[in-house]
Amino acid sequence: MVTESADLLRCKQVIEQKLDWGAGETWNSADFENLQQRILDETGVSLSASTLRRIWGRVDYQHMPSGTTLNTLAQFAGFADWRQFVKLQESKNEVPVSVDTLSEKSTKPAINWRKLGWISGVTIVIVLLGMAAFEQKNPQINAARYTFSSKPLTRTIPNSVIFTYDASASPTDSVYIQQSWDQTRREVVAKDGQTHTSIYYEPGFYRAKLVVGHEVVKEHSLLIPTNGWLGTIATKSVPIYLKSTDFITPDMMRLPLATINEKNVPLQPEAPLVKYFNVGNFSPVPVTEFTFDCDVKNEYSEGSATCQLSWIVLMTNDMPISIPLSTKGCVSELALMDGTRNVSGKNTDLSGLGVDFTNWVHVGCHSDGKKLYYTVNNKVVYSSTLPTKKVDIIGILYGFRGTGAVKNVTLRTTNKPMFQSF
């Protein structure tokens, strides 16, 4: 039987494979911040970045995580709960014990070739019969016999989505609707049903899927938009949604510390994650020909928020383009996405993304048809090749550990303004 520590090691390996960020030993603080948010988004449970660092051995801690933590990790890894994960690991690791392994003095019996031939023949027949039975029980699924569509109900968040489907041709009762790429956001639906609803707590671009057994038979793009700017404070399950008057002024977005305190959100020992979204309010902008500019300032640096970690994300219909920022001494903890891959400050020089938030920081990103360029205070600090497939920008997200301010937001394509704010 696999020990609990071995199970936890395997669970971490599954999560590392899912994230594709490299080995956990190479992760930085920003990665653990991102993982905290990913787990919250996908499971509705908040595991602090410090807890995740302990689990991955970055902080000395000899005790096993709590049952709630283990269940959450298992769910993020794609299992119902920790018990199911452990059970499946045990079944994978059960090894038949032979008499030879129990006694060093045992001798091998002579081979009875006639008996061996008879057993082999019977085995082949059983395998063939099993394959025939499997084919009968699992006929080829014809995706053309299924339909699947969706309709968001509002432009506000949270947003319920009405899914309409026809899975009556399914050879099994195992029919699911999956909210996005994440298999943990998969819900069982009636094979002979027609309607299912799901709720989305954050805006963005999703790929909804109709799944029969283990096969995706239909999928489509699903945009969950905002009605202008949306402000949130990330919490354990459902975010705290801010009124526009909480964070929008005539010339900027800014959430005062006093307002965070009024919401009864603690700033220590770990500062909350404040987000500003604007999704689906402008025509899609190709990443091959765009220019983005804004001014930002992180306004909280107390205690554990001393790095003033901040993020600007250009949300796309594929991998996002993210621009992380921090104080100069914390750039090793940064990680970015350039629309093609994840890039870690542990093995890449991201020193240009270290800034002094005492003053406004001018941040930009643009492409010239061949490459993508990140700029800070009008200086190129990072560049990469563009995605090979067609990718469009469909939204903007700002994130601040603690709180922050934004102004002078502009998104253009071939010198034509597509979106301006403040």
Protein backbone atom coordinates (compact mmCIF):
# COMPACT_ATOMS: atom_id res chain seq x y z
CA MET A 1 0.00 0.00 0.00
CA VAL A 2 1.27 3.48 -0.85
CA THR A 3 2.09 5.58 2.19
CA GLU A 4 0.41 8.93 2.77
CA SER A 5 3.65 10.81 2.05
CA ALA A 6 4.06 8.93 -1.24
CA ASP A 7 0.44 9.71 -2.15
CA LEU A 8 1.06 13.40 -1.51
CA LEU A 9 4.21 13.28 -3.63
CA ARG A 10 2.27 11.68 -6.48
CA CYS A 11 -0.54 14.23 -6.17
CA LYS A 12 1.99 17.06 -6.43
CA GLN A 13 3.48 15.43 -9.51
CA VAL A 14 0.03 15.24 -11.15
CA ILE A 15 -0.53 18.94 -10.39
CA GLU A 16 2.91 19.85 -11.78
CA GLN A 17 2.10 17.94 -14.99
CA LYS A 18 -1.26 19.73 -15.25
CA LEU A 19 0.27 23.19 -14.80
CA ASP A 20 3.27 22.51 -17.06
CA TRP A 21 5.34 25.09 -15.15
CA GLY A 22 8.28 22.75 -14.69
CA ALA A 23 9.30 20.97 -11.48
CA GLY A 24 7.92 22.44 -8.27
CA GLU A 25 11.47 22.96 -6.99
CA THR A 26 11.90 25.72 -9.60
CA TRP A 27 8.71 27.60 -8.74
CA ASN A 28 8.94 31.09 -7.31
CA SER A 29 6.63 33.04 -5.02
CA ALA A 30 4.64 34.39 -7.95
CA ASP A 31 4.00 30.81 -9.10
CA PHE A 32 2.58 29.92 -5.71
CA GLU A 33 0.44 33.07 -5.81
CA ASN A 34 -0.82 32.02 -9.24
CA LEU A 35 -1.42 28.46 -8.04
CA GLN A 36 -3.40 29.78 -5.07
CA GLN A 37 -5.67 31.67 -7.47
CA ARG A 38 -5.97 28.73 -9.88
CA ILE A 39 -7.02 26.42 -7.05
CA LEU A 40 -9.53 29.00 -5.80
CA ASP A 41 -10.96 29.46 -9.30
CA GLU A 42 -11.29 25.73 -9.94
CA THR A 43 -12.32 24.34 -6.55
CA GLY A 44 -13.82 27.30 -4.72
CA VAL A 45 -11.38 26.69 -1.84
CA SER A 46 -8.57 29.08 -0.96
CA LEU A 47 -5.29 27.47 0.04
CA SER A 48 -2.88 30.23 0.99
CA ALA A 49 0.36 30.64 -0.91
CA SER A 50 2.24 29.98 2.34
CA THR A 51 0.38 26.67 2.77
CA LEU A 52 1.26 25.68 -0.79
CA ARG A 53 4.90 26.56 -0.20
CA ARG A 54 4.92 24.29 2.87
CA ILE A 55 3.35 21.45 0.89
CA TRP A 56 5.99 21.79 -1.83
CA GLY A 57 8.76 21.75 0.76
CA ARG A 58 9.82 25.38 0.46
CA VAL A 59 9.22 25.80 4.20
CA ASP A 60 10.17 23.14 6.76
CA TYR A 61 6.96 21.55 8.03
CA GLN A 62 6.76 17.93 9.18
CA HIS A 63 2.99 17.42 9.48
CA MET A 64 0.60 16.12 6.84
CA PRO A 65 -1.84 18.73 5.46
CA SER A 66 -5.38 18.79 6.83
CA GLY A 67 -8.14 16.70 5.30
CA THR A 68 -9.66 19.78 3.67
CA THR A 69 -6.31 20.68 2.09
CA LEU A 70 -5.79 17.14 0.79
CA ASN A 71 -9.32 17.02 -0.68
CA THR A 72 -8.74 20.37 -2.39
CA LEU A 73 -5.41 19.26 -3.89
CA ALA A 74 -7.01 16.04 -5.14
CA GLN A 75 -9.92 17.95 -6.69
CA PHE A 76 -7.51 20.35 -8.43
CA ALA A 77 -5.63 17.29 -9.72
CA GLY A 78 -8.87 16.06 -11.30
CA PHE A 79 -10.29 13.64 -8.69
CA ALA A 80 -13.45 13.70 -6.62
CA ASP A 81 -11.59 13.85 -3.31
CA TRP A 82 -8.45 12.62 -1.53
CA ARG A 83 -9.94 9.20 -0.78
CA GLN A 84 -10.61 8.54 -4.47
CA PHE A 85 -7.10 9.69 -5.38
CA VAL A 86 -5.48 7.37 -2.82
CA LYS A 87 -7.68 4.45 -3.86
CA LEU A 88 -6.71 4.84 -7.51
CA GLN A 89 -3.01 5.05 -6.58
CA GLU A 90 -3.32 1.84 -4.56
CA SER A 91 -4.89 0.02 -7.50
CA LYS A 92 -2.07 1.21 -9.76
CA ASN A 93 0.61 0.04 -7.34
CA GLU A 94 -0.71 -3.40 -6.36
CA VAL A 95 1.94 -5.93 -7.45
CA PRO A 96 1.19 -9.69 -7.32
CA VAL A 97 3.55 -11.48 -4.92
CA SER A 98 5.01 -14.74 -6.24
CA VAL A 99 6.18 -17.67 -4.12
CA ASP A 100 9.72 -17.02 -5.37
CA THR A 101 9.80 -13.55 -3.81
CA LEU A 102 8.66 -14.86 -0.42
CA SER A 103 11.42 -17.44 -0.02
CA GLU A 104 14.97 -17.30 -1.18
CA LYS A 105 15.17 -21.12 -0.84
CA SER A 106 12.32 -21.86 -3.23
CA THR A 107 13.21 -23.52 -6.51
CA LYS A 108 11.64 -22.91 -9.88
CA PRO A 109 9.43 -25.78 -11.10
CA ALA A 110 10.08 -27.36 -14.46
CA ILE A 111 8.15 -25.77 -17.29
CA ASN A 112 5.20 -27.83 -18.55
CA TRP A 113 5.18 -26.72 -22.18
CA ARG A 114 1.96 -28.55 -23.04
CA LYS A 115 0.13 -26.89 -20.15
CA LEU A 116 1.66 -23.54 -21.01
CA GLY A 117 0.49 -23.82 -24.62
CA TRP A 118 -3.04 -24.71 -23.50
CA ILE A 119 -3.13 -21.74 -21.09
CA SER A 120 -1.83 -19.40 -23.79
CA GLY A 121 -4.54 -20.51 -26.19
CA VAL A 122 -7.28 -20.01 -23.62
CA THR A 123 -5.82 -16.58 -22.75
CA ILE A 124 -5.91 -15.46 -26.38
CA VAL A 125 -9.54 -16.58 -26.71
CA ILE A 126 -10.49 -14.70 -23.54
CA VAL A 127 -8.73 -11.55 -24.75
CA LEU A 128 -10.47 -11.70 -28.12
CA LEU A 129 -13.85 -12.24 -26.49
CA GLY A 130 -13.15 -9.35 -24.12
CA MET A 131 -12.24 -7.06 -27.01
CA ALA A 132 -15.42 -8.03 -28.82
CA ALA A 133 -17.49 -7.39 -25.72
CA PHE A 134 -15.72 -4.05 -25.19
CA GLU A 135 -16.47 -2.99 -28.76
CA GLN A 136 -20.12 -3.94 -28.29
CA LYS A 137 -20.38 -2.02 -25.01
CA ASN A 138 -18.39 0.95 -26.32
CA PRO A 139 -19.51 1.55 -29.91
CA GLN A 140 -17.88 4.27 -31.95
CA ILE A 141 -19.34 7.63 -30.94
CA ASN A 142 -20.56 9.74 -33.85
CA ALA A 143 -20.16 13.37 -32.77
CA ALA A 144 -22.55 14.52 -35.51
CA ARG A 145 -25.44 12.99 -33.54
CA TYR A 146 -24.94 15.42 -30.65
CA THR A 147 -25.76 19.12 -30.27
CA PHE A 148 -24.49 21.62 -27.73
CA SER A 149 -24.95 25.38 -27.33
CA SER A 150 -24.99 27.98 -24.57
CA LYS A 151 -26.30 31.44 -23.72
CA PRO A 152 -25.09 33.71 -20.90
CA LEU A 153 -28.03 35.39 -19.18
CA THR A 154 -26.52 38.80 -18.40
CA ARG A 155 -23.45 41.00 -18.72
CA THR A 156 -23.06 41.07 -14.96
CA ILE A 157 -21.02 38.78 -12.72
CA PRO A 158 -21.83 36.23 -11.37
CA ASN A 159 -23.41 35.05 -14.60
CA SER A 160 -25.55 31.96 -15.08
CA VAL A 161 -25.25 30.21 -18.44
CA ILE A 162 -28.01 28.14 -20.01
CA PHE A 163 -26.60 25.11 -21.82
CA THR A 164 -28.84 23.37 -24.36
CA TYR A 165 -27.82 19.92 -25.49
CA ASP A 166 -28.95 16.66 -27.10
CA ALA A 167 -27.03 13.58 -25.91
CA SER A 168 -29.79 11.03 -26.49
CA ALA A 169 -27.47 9.05 -28.79
CA SER A 170 -25.07 8.38 -25.93
CA PRO A 171 -24.36 4.67 -25.36
CA THR A 172 -23.74 5.44 -21.66
CA ASP A 173 -25.35 7.41 -18.85
CA SER A 174 -21.98 9.09 -18.21
CA VAL A 175 -22.76 12.42 -19.88
CA TYR A 176 -21.15 15.63 -18.62
CA ILE A 177 -21.02 19.33 -19.31
CA GLN A 178 -17.61 20.84 -18.59
CA GLN A 179 -17.42 24.61 -17.98
CA SER A 180 -13.91 25.04 -19.36
CA TRP A 181 -10.65 23.17 -20.04
CA ASP A 182 -10.59 22.18 -16.37
CA GLN A 183 -12.00 18.67 -15.81
CA THR A 184 -12.89 19.49 -12.20
CA ARG A 185 -15.51 21.88 -13.59
CA ARG A 186 -17.41 18.91 -15.01
CA GLU A 187 -21.02 18.20 -13.99
CA VAL A 188 -23.12 15.11 -14.70
CA VAL A 189 -26.23 15.78 -16.80
CA ALA A 190 -29.16 13.57 -17.77
CA LYS A 191 -28.59 11.63 -20.96
CA ASP A 192 -32.15 12.32 -22.09
CA GLY A 193 -32.18 15.91 -20.80
CA GLN A 194 -31.99 19.07 -22.83
CA THR A 195 -31.05 21.90 -20.45
CA HIS A 196 -28.39 22.47 -17.82
CA THR A 197 -27.28 25.67 -16.07
CA SER A 198 -23.90 26.64 -14.63
CA ILE A 199 -22.70 29.72 -12.79
CA TYR A 200 -19.50 31.60 -13.58
CA TYR A 201 -18.05 33.74 -10.81
CA GLU A 202 -15.39 35.47 -12.92
CA PRO A 203 -15.46 36.83 -16.47
CA GLY A 204 -13.22 35.48 -19.21
CA PHE A 205 -12.94 33.26 -22.27
CA TYR A 206 -13.88 29.61 -21.75
CA ARG A 207 -14.16 26.45 -23.85
CA ALA A 208 -17.36 24.64 -22.81
CA LYS A 209 -17.51 20.92 -23.60
CA LEU A 210 -20.11 18.16 -23.91
CA VAL A 211 -18.48 14.91 -22.78
CA VAL A 212 -19.77 11.37 -23.32
CA GLY A 213 -17.89 8.79 -21.31
CA HIS A 214 -14.32 10.00 -21.74
CA GLU A 215 -14.79 11.59 -25.17
CA VAL A 216 -15.47 15.26 -25.92
CA VAL A 217 -18.17 15.17 -28.60
CA LYS A 218 -18.89 18.90 -28.86
CA GLU A 219 -17.21 22.06 -27.64
CA HIS A 220 -17.53 25.76 -28.29
CA SER A 221 -16.17 29.12 -27.18
CA LEU A 222 -17.98 30.90 -24.38
CA LEU A 223 -17.31 34.52 -23.49
CA ILE A 224 -18.40 35.66 -20.03
CA PRO A 225 -18.29 39.46 -20.35
CA THR A 226 -18.42 42.36 -17.93
CA ASN A 227 -20.61 45.41 -18.04
CA GLY A 228 -17.73 47.89 -18.11
CA TRP A 229 -15.13 47.57 -15.36
CA LEU A 230 -15.63 44.96 -12.63
CA GLY A 231 -13.74 45.08 -9.33
CA THR A 232 -13.34 42.09 -6.98
CA ILE A 233 -11.49 40.98 -3.88
CA ALA A 234 -10.64 37.27 -4.04
CA THR A 235 -11.99 35.26 -1.11
CA LYS A 236 -12.42 31.59 -0.20
CA SER A 237 -15.38 30.70 -2.39
CA VAL A 238 -17.26 33.60 -4.00
CA PRO A 239 -15.32 36.83 -4.62
CA ILE A 240 -16.35 40.08 -2.97
CA TYR A 241 -17.85 42.16 -5.78
CA LEU A 242 -17.16 45.87 -5.53
CA LYS A 243 -19.53 48.68 -6.37
CA SER A 244 -18.22 50.94 -9.10
CA THR A 245 -18.14 53.79 -6.57
CA ASP A 246 -15.76 51.71 -4.44
CA PHE A 247 -12.92 51.82 -6.96
CA ILE A 248 -13.77 54.04 -9.97
CA THR A 249 -13.11 57.78 -10.01
CA PRO A 250 -13.29 60.15 -13.02
CA ASP A 251 -9.57 59.80 -13.75
CA MET A 252 -8.50 56.35 -12.45
CA MET A 253 -9.34 53.03 -10.81
CA ARG A 254 -8.20 52.86 -7.21
CA LEU A 255 -9.41 50.79 -4.24
CA PRO A 256 -8.54 52.60 -0.98
CA LEU A 257 -7.28 50.57 1.96
CA ALA A 258 -10.14 52.00 4.02
CA THR A 259 -12.66 50.39 1.68
CA ILE A 260 -10.94 47.01 2.02
CA ASN A 261 -11.15 47.35 5.79
CA GLU A 262 -14.86 48.22 5.52
CA LYS A 263 -15.38 44.90 3.71
CA ASN A 264 -13.87 43.11 6.76
CA VAL A 265 -11.03 41.72 4.62
CA PRO A 266 -7.76 41.33 6.60
CA LEU A 267 -4.59 42.76 5.05
CA GLN A 268 -2.27 40.59 7.17
CA PRO A 269 -0.75 38.06 7.49
CA GLU A 270 -1.45 37.77 3.77
CA ALA A 271 -2.74 40.66 1.70
CA PRO A 272 -5.82 39.97 -0.45
CA LEU A 273 -5.77 39.85 -4.24
CA VAL A 274 -7.63 42.81 -5.75
CA LYS A 275 -8.69 42.52 -9.40
CA TYR A 276 -10.11 44.89 -12.04
CA PHE A 277 -11.67 43.23 -15.13
CA ASN A 278 -12.92 44.57 -18.45
CA VAL A 279 -13.99 41.74 -20.80
CA GLY A 280 -15.96 41.69 -24.04
CA ASN A 281 -16.43 45.45 -24.33
CA PHE A 282 -14.37 45.99 -27.48
CA SER A 283 -13.91 44.19 -30.77
CA PRO A 284 -11.28 41.40 -30.68
CA VAL A 285 -7.80 42.78 -31.34
CA PRO A 286 -5.26 40.53 -33.17
CA VAL A 287 -2.02 40.02 -31.24
CA THR A 288 -0.14 40.45 -34.53
CA GLU A 289 -0.98 44.16 -34.68
CA PHE A 290 -1.69 45.86 -31.37
CA THR A 291 -0.30 48.44 -28.96
CA PHE A 292 -1.29 48.55 -25.29
CA ASP A 293 -0.35 51.22 -22.73
CA CYS A 294 -1.33 52.15 -19.18
CA ASP A 295 -0.04 53.63 -15.94
CA VAL A 296 -0.14 51.55 -12.75
CA LYS A 297 0.81 51.87 -9.10
CA ASN A 298 0.76 49.27 -6.32
CA GLU A 299 -0.19 51.14 -3.13
CA TYR A 300 0.42 48.53 -0.41
CA SER A 301 3.75 47.24 0.84
CA GLU A 302 3.22 46.28 4.45
CA GLY A 303 4.35 42.97 5.99
CA SER A 304 4.17 40.03 3.60
CA ALA A 305 3.17 42.34 0.72
CA THR A 306 6.61 43.97 0.67
CA CYS A 307 7.25 42.74 -2.92
CA GLN A 308 4.16 44.65 -4.14
CA LEU A 309 3.36 41.89 -6.64
CA SER A 310 1.13 43.12 -9.46
CA TRP A 311 -0.12 41.73 -12.76
CA ILE A 312 -1.50 43.09 -16.01
CA VAL A 313 -3.15 40.43 -18.15
CA LEU A 314 -4.28 40.82 -21.76
CA MET A 315 -6.95 38.12 -21.87
CA THR A 316 -7.14 36.28 -25.20
CA ASN A 317 -9.05 33.43 -26.79
CA ASP A 318 -6.00 31.26 -26.06
CA MET A 319 -3.07 31.59 -23.64
CA PRO A 320 -3.06 35.08 -22.08
CA ILE A 321 -0.32 37.67 -22.29
CA SER A 322 0.61 38.57 -18.70
CA ILE A 323 2.93 41.32 -17.50
CA PRO A 324 4.05 40.81 -13.88
CA LEU A 325 5.61 43.62 -11.82
CA SER A 326 7.28 43.82 -8.43
CA THR A 327 9.83 45.82 -6.50
CA LYS A 328 13.35 45.45 -7.88
CA GLY A 329 14.47 43.06 -5.15
CA CYS A 330 11.68 40.56 -5.88
CA VAL A 331 12.01 39.98 -9.63
CA SER A 332 13.24 36.42 -9.03
CA GLU A 333 9.70 35.66 -7.89
CA LEU A 334 8.05 36.85 -11.12
CA ALA A 335 6.53 34.66 -13.83
CA LEU A 336 4.89 35.73 -17.07
CA MET A 337 2.94 34.28 -19.99
CA ASP A 338 3.71 35.59 -23.47
CA GLY A 339 0.82 33.98 -25.34
CA THR A 340 2.92 30.91 -26.13
CA ARG A 341 4.64 29.76 -22.96
CA ASN A 342 5.20 30.33 -19.25
CA VAL A 343 8.43 32.16 -18.37
CA SER A 344 9.95 32.06 -14.87
CA GLY A 345 12.16 34.70 -13.29
CA LYS A 346 14.18 31.82 -11.84
CA ASN A 347 15.78 31.03 -15.18
CA THR A 348 15.08 34.19 -17.21
CA ASP A 349 16.29 37.75 -16.67
CA LEU A 350 13.10 39.64 -15.84
CA SER A 351 14.91 42.43 -13.98
CA GLY A 352 13.31 45.05 -16.22
CA LEU A 353 9.96 44.22 -14.61
CA GLY A 354 11.26 45.34 -11.21
CA VAL A 355 9.92 48.83 -10.57
CA ASP A 356 9.65 51.64 -8.02
CA PHE A 357 5.97 52.02 -7.18
CA THR A 358 6.60 55.30 -5.38
CA ASN A 359 5.67 56.90 -8.70
CA TRP A 360 3.32 55.84 -11.47
CA VAL A 361 4.85 53.17 -13.72
CA HIS A 362 4.15 53.36 -17.46
CA VAL A 363 3.69 49.82 -18.81
CA GLY A 364 3.23 48.85 -22.44
CA CYS A 365 3.05 45.85 -24.73
CA HIS A 366 3.00 45.81 -28.53
CA SER A 367 3.73 43.65 -31.56
CA ASP A 368 5.24 44.33 -34.95
CA GLY A 369 3.82 41.29 -36.76
CA LYS A 370 6.81 39.13 -35.85
CA LYS A 371 7.60 39.67 -32.19
CA LEU A 372 5.95 40.71 -28.94
CA TYR A 373 7.55 43.48 -26.85
CA TYR A 374 7.05 44.39 -23.19
CA THR A 375 8.01 47.93 -22.15
CA VAL A 376 8.37 49.62 -18.76
CA ASN A 377 8.73 53.40 -18.74
CA ASN A 378 9.21 53.24 -22.53
CA LYS A 379 12.12 50.78 -22.35
CA VAL A 380 11.86 47.26 -23.85
CA VAL A 381 12.34 44.80 -20.97
CA TYR A 382 11.25 41.52 -22.60
CA SER A 383 10.46 40.21 -26.08
CA SER A 384 9.30 36.92 -27.58
CA THR A 385 8.02 35.43 -30.81
CA LEU A 386 4.31 35.73 -31.53
CA PRO A 387 1.95 32.74 -31.35
CA THR A 388 1.83 30.86 -34.64
CA LYS A 389 -1.97 30.56 -34.59
CA LYS A 390 -4.52 33.34 -34.75
CA VAL A 391 -5.02 34.83 -31.29
CA ASP A 392 -7.17 37.84 -30.35
CA ILE A 393 -7.21 40.04 -27.26
CA ILE A 394 -10.72 40.07 -25.78
CA GLY A 395 -10.25 41.60 -22.33
CA ILE A 396 -7.98 43.25 -19.77
CA LEU A 397 -7.29 42.25 -16.16
CA TYR A 398 -5.31 44.01 -13.45
CA GLY A 399 -4.30 42.22 -10.24
CA PHE A 400 -2.66 43.66 -7.14
CA ARG A 401 -1.52 41.90 -4.00
CA GLY A 402 -2.94 44.39 -1.51
CA THR A 403 -4.36 47.15 -3.66
CA GLY A 404 -3.41 49.36 -6.58
CA ALA A 405 -4.37 52.09 -9.03
CA VAL A 406 -4.68 52.25 -12.84
CA LYS A 407 -5.09 55.10 -15.33
CA ASN A 408 -4.55 56.02 -19.00
CA VAL A 409 -5.57 52.61 -20.41
CA THR A 410 -5.28 52.45 -24.21
CA LEU A 411 -5.51 49.53 -26.66
CA ARG A 412 -4.91 50.23 -30.35
CA THR A 413 -4.52 48.32 -33.58
CA THR A 414 -2.66 49.82 -36.54
CA ASN A 415 -2.90 53.21 -34.84
CA LYS A 416 -6.67 52.91 -34.53
CA PRO A 417 -7.97 53.21 -30.94
CA MET A 418 -10.01 50.13 -29.96
CA PHE A 419 -10.41 50.80 -26.22
CA GLN A 420 -9.63 53.74 -23.97
CA SER A 421 -10.38 54.28 -20.30
CA PHE A 422 -9.52 57.03 -17.82
